[in-house]
């Protein structure tokens, strides 16, 4: 397990560090970062999701996907009111309170979760991440956007216009119906999907380079939500599921999902609606930095 974990973390942080250095030196520009994000979100991620459907059907995988769906529903039902209650107790100003809740509740399942869960647990891990992502999308593009935008309206239209959500549904249908993609499309799609990990890490490295990391690390206002996102939430998930006797694979996948950094979409929507955008961006960056220590620790705790 130690060798697998070392290989994963080396791969992740080598690419992040390389992108960080290149961005700081101006070799990679803001336009390059934007282009990489567009390639990932408008092309590569669709092939990654679709190709996850191409593994052989097994009762173990189907059970894992179903249990992850149940976990996802319960996770949001419990974390949203708990985070909202805590934010009120802290006396945060309204805009920061909304960002606090969203950042603690919504994790970075696409950029970080997909590649890491696939690396750790193969296509079963990715299919479980996709199932969780579907529930995430339903909540974020309805309640989440209304909550951050103070518009009081649920954006169902945003949900049905989200192509990743629609492709996620298609991938699960293809998996359960065992729809096979023929050659040479299969190998071609797989090669494109394999770009998810490097592109995701390049984008994260560039994002870190844009931020004043030392300033963010000294911002004590970010410590509590970071601790909740990277330590407390996964600890509760791991503890409760272990006590309930949930099968080990589901405990591992669910805990790693709960230990992912804050979602990039929270910062994007907060900026769009002018809802404490700097606080949202800084919190996203700090949780990504905390991932360097938290992710290996949680993988060691839950095992592979």
C-alpha atoms as a PDB file:
ATOM      1  CA  UNK A   1       0.000   0.000   0.000  1.00  0.00           C
ATOM      2  CA  UNK A   2       2.825   2.379   0.867  1.00  0.00           C
ATOM      3  CA  UNK A   3       4.325   2.023  -2.614  1.00  0.00           C
ATOM      4  CA  UNK A   4       0.965   2.625  -4.324  1.00  0.00           C
ATOM      5  CA  UNK A   5       0.341   5.695  -2.161  1.00  0.00           C
ATOM      6  CA  UNK A   6       3.829   7.051  -2.790  1.00  0.00           C
ATOM      7  CA  UNK A   7       3.447   6.603  -6.556  1.00  0.00           C
ATOM      8  CA  UNK A   8       0.077   8.371  -6.542  1.00  0.00           C
ATOM      9  CA  UNK A   9       1.231  11.302  -4.423  1.00  0.00           C
ATOM     10  CA  UNK A  10       4.451  11.682  -6.410  1.00  0.00           C
ATOM     11  CA  UNK A  11       2.490  11.782  -9.658  1.00  0.00           C
ATOM     12  CA  UNK A  12       0.015  14.314  -8.274  1.00  0.00           C
ATOM     13  CA  UNK A  13       2.426  16.709  -6.634  1.00  0.00           C
ATOM     14  CA  UNK A  14       5.135  16.500  -9.301  1.00  0.00           C
ATOM     15  CA  UNK A  15       2.710  17.756 -11.950  1.00  0.00           C
ATOM     16  CA  UNK A  16       1.221  20.355  -9.561  1.00  0.00           C
ATOM     17  CA  UNK A  17       4.701  21.617  -8.626  1.00  0.00           C
ATOM     18  CA  UNK A  18       5.824  21.750 -12.260  1.00  0.00           C
ATOM     19  CA  UNK A  19       2.734  23.728 -13.281  1.00  0.00           C
ATOM     20  CA  UNK A  20       3.177  26.018 -10.260  1.00  0.00           C
ATOM     21  CA  UNK A  21       6.799  26.840 -11.195  1.00  0.00           C
ATOM     22  CA  UNK A  22       5.991  27.346 -14.877  1.00  0.00           C
ATOM     23  CA  UNK A  23       3.055  29.620 -14.016  1.00  0.00           C
ATOM     24  CA  UNK A  24       5.111  31.678 -11.584  1.00  0.00           C
ATOM     25  CA  UNK A  25       7.866  32.119 -14.185  1.00  0.00           C
ATOM     26  CA  UNK A  26       5.408  33.142 -16.878  1.00  0.00           C
ATOM     27  CA  UNK A  27       6.012  30.121 -19.094  1.00  0.00           C
ATOM     28  CA  UNK A  28       2.373  29.210 -18.568  1.00  0.00           C
ATOM     29  CA  UNK A  29      -0.002  32.156 -18.807  1.00  0.00           C
ATOM     30  CA  UNK A  30      -3.521  32.844 -17.604  1.00  0.00           C
ATOM     31  CA  UNK A  31      -4.698  32.045 -21.125  1.00  0.00           C
ATOM     32  CA  UNK A  32      -2.891  28.683 -20.997  1.00  0.00           C
ATOM     33  CA  UNK A  33      -4.623  27.890 -17.719  1.00  0.00           C
ATOM     34  CA  UNK A  34      -7.989  28.863 -19.171  1.00  0.00           C
ATOM     35  CA  UNK A  35      -7.334  26.742 -22.260  1.00  0.00           C
ATOM     36  CA  UNK A  36      -6.371  23.725 -20.135  1.00  0.00           C
ATOM     37  CA  UNK A  37      -9.561  24.153 -18.099  1.00  0.00           C
ATOM     38  CA  UNK A  38     -11.653  24.368 -21.271  1.00  0.00           C
ATOM     39  CA  UNK A  39     -10.022  21.246 -22.716  1.00  0.00           C
ATOM     40  CA  UNK A  40     -10.627  19.335 -19.493  1.00  0.00           C
ATOM     41  CA  UNK A  41     -14.202  20.469 -18.861  1.00  0.00           C
ATOM     42  CA  UNK A  42     -15.407  20.647 -22.478  1.00  0.00           C
ATOM     43  CA  UNK A  43     -13.714  17.543 -23.868  1.00  0.00           C
ATOM     44  CA  UNK A  44     -11.633  15.225 -21.683  1.00  0.00           C
ATOM     45  CA  UNK A  45     -13.959  14.799 -18.702  1.00  0.00           C
ATOM     46  CA  UNK A  46     -16.749  13.465 -20.948  1.00  0.00           C
ATOM     47  CA  UNK A  47     -14.524  10.666 -22.248  1.00  0.00           C
ATOM     48  CA  UNK A  48     -13.322   9.887 -18.723  1.00  0.00           C
ATOM     49  CA  UNK A  49     -16.896   9.498 -17.525  1.00  0.00           C
ATOM     50  CA  UNK A  50     -18.068   7.491 -20.548  1.00  0.00           C
ATOM     51  CA  UNK A  51     -15.103   5.106 -20.428  1.00  0.00           C
ATOM     52  CA  UNK A  52     -15.803   4.293 -16.783  1.00  0.00           C
ATOM     53  CA  UNK A  53     -18.852   2.404 -18.082  1.00  0.00           C
ATOM     54  CA  UNK A  54     -16.723  -0.081 -20.002  1.00  0.00           C
ATOM     55  CA  UNK A  55     -15.765  -2.420 -17.172  1.00  0.00           C
ATOM     56  CA  UNK A  56     -17.449  -5.792 -16.777  1.00  0.00           C
ATOM     57  CA  UNK A  57     -20.630  -5.759 -14.731  1.00  0.00           C
ATOM     58  CA  UNK A  58     -20.246  -7.183 -11.240  1.00  0.00           C
ATOM     59  CA  UNK A  59     -22.541  -7.329  -8.265  1.00  0.00           C
ATOM     60  CA  UNK A  60     -19.728  -5.855  -6.147  1.00  0.00           C
ATOM     61  CA  UNK A  61     -19.446  -2.778  -8.367  1.00  0.00           C
ATOM     62  CA  UNK A  62     -23.232  -2.374  -8.687  1.00  0.00           C
ATOM     63  CA  UNK A  63     -23.585  -2.628  -4.908  1.00  0.00           C
ATOM     64  CA  UNK A  64     -20.775  -0.108  -4.411  1.00  0.00           C
ATOM     65  CA  UNK A  65     -22.438   2.371  -6.780  1.00  0.00           C
ATOM     66  CA  UNK A  66     -25.832   1.971  -5.091  1.00  0.00           C
ATOM     67  CA  UNK A  67     -24.396   2.352  -1.587  1.00  0.00           C
ATOM     68  CA  UNK A  68     -22.419   5.419  -2.675  1.00  0.00           C
ATOM     69  CA  UNK A  69     -25.684   6.924  -3.898  1.00  0.00           C
ATOM     70  CA  UNK A  70     -27.266   6.323  -0.499  1.00  0.00           C
ATOM     71  CA  UNK A  71     -24.187   7.770   1.192  1.00  0.00           C
ATOM     72  CA  UNK A  72     -24.363  10.853  -1.046  1.00  0.00           C
ATOM     73  CA  UNK A  73     -27.975  11.581  -0.159  1.00  0.00           C
ATOM     74  CA  UNK A  74     -27.386  11.139   3.584  1.00  0.00           C
ATOM     75  CA  UNK A  75     -24.148  13.135   3.409  1.00  0.00           C
ATOM     76  CA  UNK A  76     -25.851  16.236   2.030  1.00  0.00           C
ATOM     77  CA  UNK A  77     -28.939  15.862   4.237  1.00  0.00           C
ATOM     78  CA  UNK A  78     -26.719  15.960   7.322  1.00  0.00           C
ATOM     79  CA  UNK A  79     -23.848  18.282   6.363  1.00  0.00           C
ATOM     80  CA  UNK A  80     -25.932  21.156   4.980  1.00  0.00           C
ATOM     81  CA  UNK A  81     -27.952  21.850   8.169  1.00  0.00           C
ATOM     82  CA  UNK A  82     -24.919  21.142  10.397  1.00  0.00           C
ATOM     83  CA  UNK A  83     -22.695  23.595   8.484  1.00  0.00           C
ATOM     84  CA  UNK A  84     -25.491  26.205   8.356  1.00  0.00           C
ATOM     85  CA  UNK A  85     -26.040  25.954  12.119  1.00  0.00           C
ATOM     86  CA  UNK A  86     -22.316  26.272  12.839  1.00  0.00           C
ATOM     87  CA  UNK A  87     -21.953  29.265  10.514  1.00  0.00           C
ATOM     88  CA  UNK A  88     -24.700  31.104  12.417  1.00  0.00           C
ATOM     89  CA  UNK A  89     -23.039  30.308  15.733  1.00  0.00           C
ATOM     90  CA  UNK A  90     -19.764  31.794  14.461  1.00  0.00           C
ATOM     91  CA  UNK A  91     -21.453  35.106  13.707  1.00  0.00           C
ATOM     92  CA  UNK A  92     -20.058  35.398  10.188  1.00  0.00           C
ATOM     93  CA  UNK A  93     -21.335  38.118   7.900  1.00  0.00           C
ATOM     94  CA  UNK A  94     -24.030  36.912   5.523  1.00  0.00           C
ATOM     95  CA  UNK A  95     -21.929  36.507   2.361  1.00  0.00           C
ATOM     96  CA  UNK A  96     -19.103  34.684   4.157  1.00  0.00           C
ATOM     97  CA  UNK A  97     -21.615  32.507   5.957  1.00  0.00           C
ATOM     98  CA  UNK A  98     -22.991  31.283   2.634  1.00  0.00           C
ATOM     99  CA  UNK A  99     -19.494  30.603   1.290  1.00  0.00           C
ATOM    100  CA  UNK A 100     -18.535  28.861   4.548  1.00  0.00           C
ATOM    101  CA  UNK A 101     -21.470  26.459   4.264  1.00  0.00           C
ATOM    102  CA  UNK A 102     -20.954  25.765   0.561  1.00  0.00           C
ATOM    103  CA  UNK A 103     -17.197  25.241   0.933  1.00  0.00           C
ATOM    104  CA  UNK A 104     -17.602  22.811   3.823  1.00  0.00           C
ATOM    105  CA  UNK A 105     -20.414  20.862   2.137  1.00  0.00           C
ATOM    106  CA  UNK A 106     -19.359  20.751  -1.553  1.00  0.00           C
ATOM    107  CA  UNK A 107     -16.067  19.072  -2.399  1.00  0.00           C
ATOM    108  CA  UNK A 108     -13.967  19.123  -5.571  1.00  0.00           C
ATOM    109  CA  UNK A 109     -15.329  15.874  -6.980  1.00  0.00           C
ATOM    110  CA  UNK A 110     -14.556  16.496 -10.684  1.00  0.00           C
ATOM    111  CA  UNK A 111     -11.094  18.094 -10.829  1.00  0.00           C
ATOM    112  CA  UNK A 112      -9.614  16.144  -7.910  1.00  0.00           C
ATOM    113  CA  UNK A 113     -12.030  13.339  -7.025  1.00  0.00           C
ATOM    114  CA  UNK A 114     -12.350  11.652 -10.416  1.00  0.00           C
ATOM    115  CA  UNK A 115      -8.631  11.138 -11.117  1.00  0.00           C
ATOM    116  CA  UNK A 116      -7.669  10.275  -7.524  1.00  0.00           C
ATOM    117  CA  UNK A 117     -10.478   7.774  -6.933  1.00  0.00           C
ATOM    118  CA  UNK A 118      -9.758   6.148 -10.288  1.00  0.00           C
ATOM    119  CA  UNK A 119      -6.059   5.884  -9.416  1.00  0.00           C
ATOM    120  CA  UNK A 120      -6.808   4.405  -5.978  1.00  0.00           C
ATOM    121  CA  UNK A 121      -9.745   2.092  -6.696  1.00  0.00           C
ATOM    122  CA  UNK A 122      -9.907   1.720 -10.463  1.00  0.00           C
ATOM    123  CA  UNK A 123     -13.118   2.092 -12.441  1.00  0.00           C
ATOM    124  CA  UNK A 124     -15.233   1.065  -9.445  1.00  0.00           C
ATOM    125  CA  UNK A 125     -13.863   4.102  -7.625  1.00  0.00           C
ATOM    126  CA  UNK A 126     -14.605   6.311 -10.609  1.00  0.00           C
ATOM    127  CA  UNK A 127     -18.155   4.969 -11.025  1.00  0.00           C
ATOM    128  CA  UNK A 128     -18.815   5.635  -7.337  1.00  0.00           C
ATOM    129  CA  UNK A 129     -17.422   9.155  -7.762  1.00  0.00           C
ATOM    130  CA  UNK A 130     -19.734   9.657 -10.728  1.00  0.00           C
ATOM    131  CA  UNK A 131     -22.739   8.526  -8.679  1.00  0.00           C
ATOM    132  CA  UNK A 132     -21.807  10.942  -5.900  1.00  0.00           C
ATOM    133  CA  UNK A 133     -21.227  13.663  -8.493  1.00  0.00           C
ATOM    134  CA  UNK A 134     -24.746  13.212  -9.860  1.00  0.00           C
ATOM    135  CA  UNK A 135     -26.231  13.900  -6.424  1.00  0.00           C
ATOM    136  CA  UNK A 136     -23.768  16.771  -5.992  1.00  0.00           C
ATOM    137  CA  UNK A 137     -24.868  18.306  -9.309  1.00  0.00           C
ATOM    138  CA  UNK A 138     -28.556  18.063  -8.466  1.00  0.00           C
ATOM    139  CA  UNK A 139     -28.014  19.910  -5.192  1.00  0.00           C
ATOM    140  CA  UNK A 140     -25.397  22.428  -6.298  1.00  0.00           C
ATOM    141  CA  UNK A 141     -27.088  23.537  -9.517  1.00  0.00           C
ATOM    142  CA  UNK A 142     -30.407  23.935  -7.714  1.00  0.00           C
ATOM    143  CA  UNK A 143     -30.081  24.765  -4.017  1.00  0.00           C
ATOM    144  CA  UNK A 144     -26.375  25.696  -4.091  1.00  0.00           C
ATOM    145  CA  UNK A 145     -26.611  28.358  -6.770  1.00  0.00           C
ATOM    146  CA  UNK A 146     -29.758  29.835  -5.237  1.00  0.00           C
ATOM    147  CA  UNK A 147     -28.082  29.893  -1.802  1.00  0.00           C
ATOM    148  CA  UNK A 148     -24.928  31.637  -3.002  1.00  0.00           C
ATOM    149  CA  UNK A 149     -26.844  33.963  -5.274  1.00  0.00           C
ATOM    150  CA  UNK A 150     -29.408  35.083  -2.688  1.00  0.00           C
ATOM    151  CA  UNK A 151     -32.047  34.790  -5.394  1.00  0.00           C
ATOM    152  CA  UNK A 152     -34.229  32.357  -3.523  1.00  0.00           C
ATOM    153  CA  UNK A 153     -34.931  30.428  -6.724  1.00  0.00           C
ATOM    154  CA  UNK A 154     -33.981  26.866  -7.523  1.00  0.00           C
ATOM    155  CA  UNK A 155     -32.230  26.695 -10.888  1.00  0.00           C
ATOM    156  CA  UNK A 156     -33.563  23.438 -12.342  1.00  0.00           C
ATOM    157  CA  UNK A 157     -32.634  24.738 -15.789  1.00  0.00           C
ATOM    158  CA  UNK A 158     -28.971  24.857 -14.730  1.00  0.00           C
ATOM    159  CA  UNK A 159     -29.161  21.194 -13.777  1.00  0.00           C
ATOM    160  CA  UNK A 160     -30.560  20.032 -17.118  1.00  0.00           C
ATOM    161  CA  UNK A 161     -28.118  22.211 -19.042  1.00  0.00           C
ATOM    162  CA  UNK A 162     -25.147  20.678 -17.176  1.00  0.00           C
ATOM    163  CA  UNK A 163     -23.628  18.323 -19.725  1.00  0.00           C
ATOM    164  CA  UNK A 164     -21.399  16.520 -17.226  1.00  0.00           C
ATOM    165  CA  UNK A 165     -24.461  15.571 -15.184  1.00  0.00           C
ATOM    166  CA  UNK A 166     -26.218  14.256 -18.298  1.00  0.00           C
ATOM    167  CA  UNK A 167     -23.171  12.278 -19.451  1.00  0.00           C
ATOM    168  CA  UNK A 168     -22.843  10.853 -15.928  1.00  0.00           C
ATOM    169  CA  UNK A 169     -26.378   9.461 -16.198  1.00  0.00           C
ATOM    170  CA  UNK A 170     -25.532   8.048 -19.629  1.00  0.00           C
ATOM    171  CA  UNK A 171     -22.382   6.339 -18.279  1.00  0.00           C
ATOM    172  CA  UNK A 172     -24.292   4.611 -15.495  1.00  0.00           C
ATOM    173  CA  UNK A 173     -26.983   3.452 -17.934  1.00  0.00           C
ATOM    174  CA  UNK A 174     -24.285   2.107 -20.284  1.00  0.00           C
ATOM    175  CA  UNK A 175     -22.615   0.286 -17.405  1.00  0.00           C
ATOM    176  CA  UNK A 176     -25.764  -1.435 -16.157  1.00  0.00           C
ATOM    177  CA  UNK A 177     -26.880  -2.298 -19.707  1.00  0.00           C
ATOM    178  CA  UNK A 178     -23.309  -3.343 -20.599  1.00  0.00           C
ATOM    179  CA  UNK A 179     -23.207  -1.210 -23.753  1.00  0.00           C
ATOM    180  CA  UNK A 180     -19.776  -1.698 -25.324  1.00  0.00           C
ATOM    181  CA  UNK A 181     -17.837   0.884 -27.343  1.00  0.00           C
ATOM    182  CA  UNK A 182     -16.154  -0.848 -30.317  1.00  0.00           C
ATOM    183  CA  UNK A 183     -12.587  -0.422 -31.480  1.00  0.00           C
ATOM    184  CA  UNK A 184     -10.917   1.784 -32.541  1.00  0.00           C
ATOM    185  CA  UNK A 185     -13.196   4.170 -30.619  1.00  0.00           C
ATOM    186  CA  UNK A 186     -12.606   2.363 -27.330  1.00  0.00           C
ATOM    187  CA  UNK A 187      -8.813   2.817 -27.271  1.00  0.00           C
ATOM    188  CA  UNK A 188      -9.103   6.352 -28.655  1.00  0.00           C
ATOM    189  CA  UNK A 189     -11.609   7.411 -25.985  1.00  0.00           C
ATOM    190  CA  UNK A 190      -9.459   5.772 -23.289  1.00  0.00           C
ATOM    191  CA  UNK A 191      -6.407   7.730 -24.415  1.00  0.00           C
ATOM    192  CA  UNK A 192      -8.333  11.009 -24.250  1.00  0.00           C
ATOM    193  CA  UNK A 193      -9.797  10.136 -20.849  1.00  0.00           C
ATOM    194  CA  UNK A 194      -6.315   9.417 -19.495  1.00  0.00           C
ATOM    195  CA  UNK A 195      -5.564  13.148 -19.773  1.00  0.00           C
ATOM    196  CA  UNK A 196      -7.838  13.888 -16.791  1.00  0.00           C
ATOM    197  CA  UNK A 197      -5.181  13.445 -14.106  1.00  0.00           C
ATOM    198  CA  UNK A 198      -2.368  15.533 -15.691  1.00  0.00           C
ATOM    199  CA  UNK A 199      -4.694  18.312 -16.866  1.00  0.00           C
ATOM    200  CA  UNK A 200      -6.405  18.517 -13.469  1.00  0.00           C
ATOM    201  CA  UNK A 201      -3.086  18.793 -11.660  1.00  0.00           C
ATOM    202  CA  UNK A 202      -1.774  21.398 -14.133  1.00  0.00           C
ATOM    203  CA  UNK A 203      -4.869  23.538 -13.514  1.00  0.00           C
ATOM    204  CA  UNK A 204      -4.486  23.194  -9.738  1.00  0.00           C
ATOM    205  CA  UNK A 205      -0.787  24.125  -9.938  1.00  0.00           C
ATOM    206  CA  UNK A 206      -1.585  27.214 -11.984  1.00  0.00           C
ATOM    207  CA  UNK A 207      -4.360  28.198  -9.563  1.00  0.00           C
ATOM    208  CA  UNK A 208      -1.976  27.954  -6.611  1.00  0.00           C
ATOM    209  CA  UNK A 209       0.597  30.085  -8.442  1.00  0.00           C
ATOM    210  CA  UNK A 210      -1.934  32.877  -8.881  1.00  0.00           C
ATOM    211  CA  UNK A 211      -2.635  33.079  -5.160  1.00  0.00           C
ATOM    212  CA  UNK A 212      -0.515  34.604  -2.453  1.00  0.00           C
ATOM    213  CA  UNK A 213       0.063  31.280  -0.714  1.00  0.00           C
ATOM    214  CA  UNK A 214       1.885  32.692   2.308  1.00  0.00           C
ATOM    215  CA  UNK A 215      -0.866  35.260   2.841  1.00  0.00           C
ATOM    216  CA  UNK A 216      -3.535  32.582   2.595  1.00  0.00           C
ATOM    217  CA  UNK A 217      -1.721  30.291   5.037  1.00  0.00           C
ATOM    218  CA  UNK A 218      -1.563  33.134   7.566  1.00  0.00           C
ATOM    219  CA  UNK A 219      -5.280  33.891   7.293  1.00  0.00           C
ATOM    220  CA  UNK A 220      -6.685  32.423  10.505  1.00  0.00           C
ATOM    221  CA  UNK A 221     -10.236  32.960   9.309  1.00  0.00           C
ATOM    222  CA  UNK A 222      -9.727  30.078   6.893  1.00  0.00           C
ATOM    223  CA  UNK A 223      -8.452  27.571   9.450  1.00  0.00           C
ATOM    224  CA  UNK A 224     -11.793  26.361  10.811  1.00  0.00           C
ATOM    225  CA  UNK A 225     -13.535  25.639   7.477  1.00  0.00           C
ATOM    226  CA  UNK A 226     -10.336  23.990   6.212  1.00  0.00           C
ATOM    227  CA  UNK A 227     -10.165  21.797   9.325  1.00  0.00           C
ATOM    228  CA  UNK A 228     -13.820  20.874   8.914  1.00  0.00           C
ATOM    229  CA  UNK A 229     -13.495  20.119   5.186  1.00  0.00           C
ATOM    230  CA  UNK A 230     -10.251  18.121   5.351  1.00  0.00           C
ATOM    231  CA  UNK A 231     -10.380  16.511   8.807  1.00  0.00           C
ATOM    232  CA  UNK A 232     -13.672  16.667  10.703  1.00  0.00           C
ATOM    233  CA  UNK A 233     -16.077  15.707   7.896  1.00  0.00           C
ATOM    234  CA  UNK A 234     -14.063  12.667   6.698  1.00  0.00           C
ATOM    235  CA  UNK A 235     -13.479  11.628  10.322  1.00  0.00           C
ATOM    236  CA  UNK A 236     -17.217  11.595  10.994  1.00  0.00           C
ATOM    237  CA  UNK A 237     -17.906   9.719   7.749  1.00  0.00           C
ATOM    238  CA  UNK A 238     -15.220   7.127   8.486  1.00  0.00           C
ATOM    239  CA  UNK A 239     -16.242   6.697  12.130  1.00  0.00           C
ATOM    240  CA  UNK A 240     -19.977   6.418  11.566  1.00  0.00           C
ATOM    241  CA  UNK A 241     -19.741   4.085   8.558  1.00  0.00           C
ATOM    242  CA  UNK A 242     -17.228   1.856  10.359  1.00  0.00           C
ATOM    243  CA  UNK A 243     -19.454   1.632  13.436  1.00  0.00           C
ATOM    244  CA  UNK A 244     -22.435   0.759  11.247  1.00  0.00           C
ATOM    245  CA  UNK A 245     -20.485  -2.110   9.709  1.00  0.00           C
ATOM    246  CA  UNK A 246     -20.574  -0.796   6.144  1.00  0.00           C
ATOM    247  CA  UNK A 247     -18.381  -2.875   3.846  1.00  0.00           C
ATOM    248  CA  UNK A 248     -14.743  -1.680   3.746  1.00  0.00           C
ATOM    249  CA  UNK A 249     -14.656  -0.627   0.062  1.00  0.00           C
ATOM    250  CA  UNK A 250     -17.596   1.745   0.535  1.00  0.00           C
ATOM    251  CA  UNK A 251     -16.055   3.147   3.734  1.00  0.00           C
ATOM    252  CA  UNK A 252     -12.783   3.820   1.900  1.00  0.00           C
ATOM    253  CA  UNK A 253     -14.350   5.474  -1.146  1.00  0.00           C
ATOM    254  CA  UNK A 254     -16.802   7.535   0.926  1.00  0.00           C
ATOM    255  CA  UNK A 255     -14.075   8.739   3.291  1.00  0.00           C
ATOM    256  CA  UNK A 256     -11.791   9.817   0.444  1.00  0.00           C
ATOM    257  CA  UNK A 257     -14.696  11.673  -1.186  1.00  0.00           C
ATOM    258  CA  UNK A 258     -15.381  13.425   2.132  1.00  0.00           C
ATOM    259  CA  UNK A 259     -11.682  14.371   2.411  1.00  0.00           C
ATOM    260  CA  UNK A 260     -11.483  16.178  -0.946  1.00  0.00           C
ATOM    261  CA  UNK A 261     -10.798  19.938  -0.981  1.00  0.00           C
ATOM    262  CA  UNK A 262     -13.554  22.515  -1.393  1.00  0.00           C
ATOM    263  CA  UNK A 263     -15.256  22.579  -4.773  1.00  0.00           C
ATOM    264  CA  UNK A 264     -14.021  24.933  -7.452  1.00  0.00           C
ATOM    265  CA  UNK A 265     -17.611  25.685  -8.462  1.00  0.00           C
ATOM    266  CA  UNK A 266     -18.259  27.333  -5.087  1.00  0.00           C
ATOM    267  CA  UNK A 267     -15.520  29.871  -5.800  1.00  0.00           C
ATOM    268  CA  UNK A 268     -16.667  30.337  -9.403  1.00  0.00           C
ATOM    269  CA  UNK A 269     -20.321  30.950  -8.508  1.00  0.00           C
ATOM    270  CA  UNK A 270     -19.360  33.124  -5.511  1.00  0.00           C
ATOM    271  CA  UNK A 271     -17.321  35.324  -7.861  1.00  0.00           C
ATOM    272  CA  UNK A 272     -20.158  35.451 -10.380  1.00  0.00           C
ATOM    273  CA  UNK A 273     -22.673  36.545  -7.714  1.00  0.00           C
ATOM    274  CA  UNK A 274     -20.167  38.722  -5.795  1.00  0.00           C
ATOM    275  CA  UNK A 275     -20.718  36.619  -2.658  1.00  0.00           C
ATOM    276  CA  UNK A 276     -17.451  37.070  -0.709  1.00  0.00           C
ATOM    277  CA  UNK A 277     -15.444  35.991  -3.795  1.00  0.00           C
ATOM    278  CA  UNK A 278     -11.977  36.480  -2.259  1.00  0.00           C
ATOM    279  CA  UNK A 279     -12.921  34.471   0.824  1.00  0.00           C
ATOM    280  CA  UNK A 280     -14.251  31.663  -1.407  1.00  0.00           C
ATOM    281  CA  UNK A 281     -11.144  31.596  -3.616  1.00  0.00           C
ATOM    282  CA  UNK A 282      -8.741  31.678  -0.658  1.00  0.00           C
ATOM    283  CA  UNK A 283     -10.622  28.905   1.100  1.00  0.00           C
ATOM    284  CA  UNK A 284     -10.487  26.737  -2.013  1.00  0.00           C
ATOM    285  CA  UNK A 285      -6.718  27.282  -2.275  1.00  0.00           C
ATOM    286  CA  UNK A 286      -6.058  26.558   1.407  1.00  0.00           C
ATOM    287  CA  UNK A 287      -7.995  23.284   1.299  1.00  0.00           C
ATOM    288  CA  UNK A 288      -6.010  22.278  -1.791  1.00  0.00           C
ATOM    289  CA  UNK A 289      -2.787  22.981   0.090  1.00  0.00           C
ATOM    290  CA  UNK A 290      -4.078  21.024   3.090  1.00  0.00           C
ATOM    291  CA  UNK A 291      -4.717  18.082   0.763  1.00  0.00           C
ATOM    292  CA  UNK A 292      -0.941  17.524   0.565  1.00  0.00           C
ATOM    293  CA  UNK A 293      -0.996  16.297   4.167  1.00  0.00           C
ATOM    294  CA  UNK A 294      -4.613  15.206   4.578  1.00  0.00           C
ATOM    295  CA  UNK A 295      -5.002  12.930   1.543  1.00  0.00           C
ATOM    296  CA  UNK A 296      -2.029  10.612   2.267  1.00  0.00           C
ATOM    297  CA  UNK A 297      -3.097  10.439   5.909  1.00  0.00           C
ATOM    298  CA  UNK A 298      -6.666   9.437   5.062  1.00  0.00           C
ATOM    299  CA  UNK A 299      -5.511   6.872   2.495  1.00  0.00           C
ATOM    300  CA  UNK A 300      -3.271   5.324   5.173  1.00  0.00           C
ATOM    301  CA  UNK A 301      -6.140   5.335   7.687  1.00  0.00           C
ATOM    302  CA  UNK A 302      -8.740   3.724   5.406  1.00  0.00           C
ATOM    303  CA  UNK A 303      -6.341   1.513   3.438  1.00  0.00           C
ATOM    304  CA  UNK A 304      -6.512   0.571  -0.238  1.00  0.00           C
END
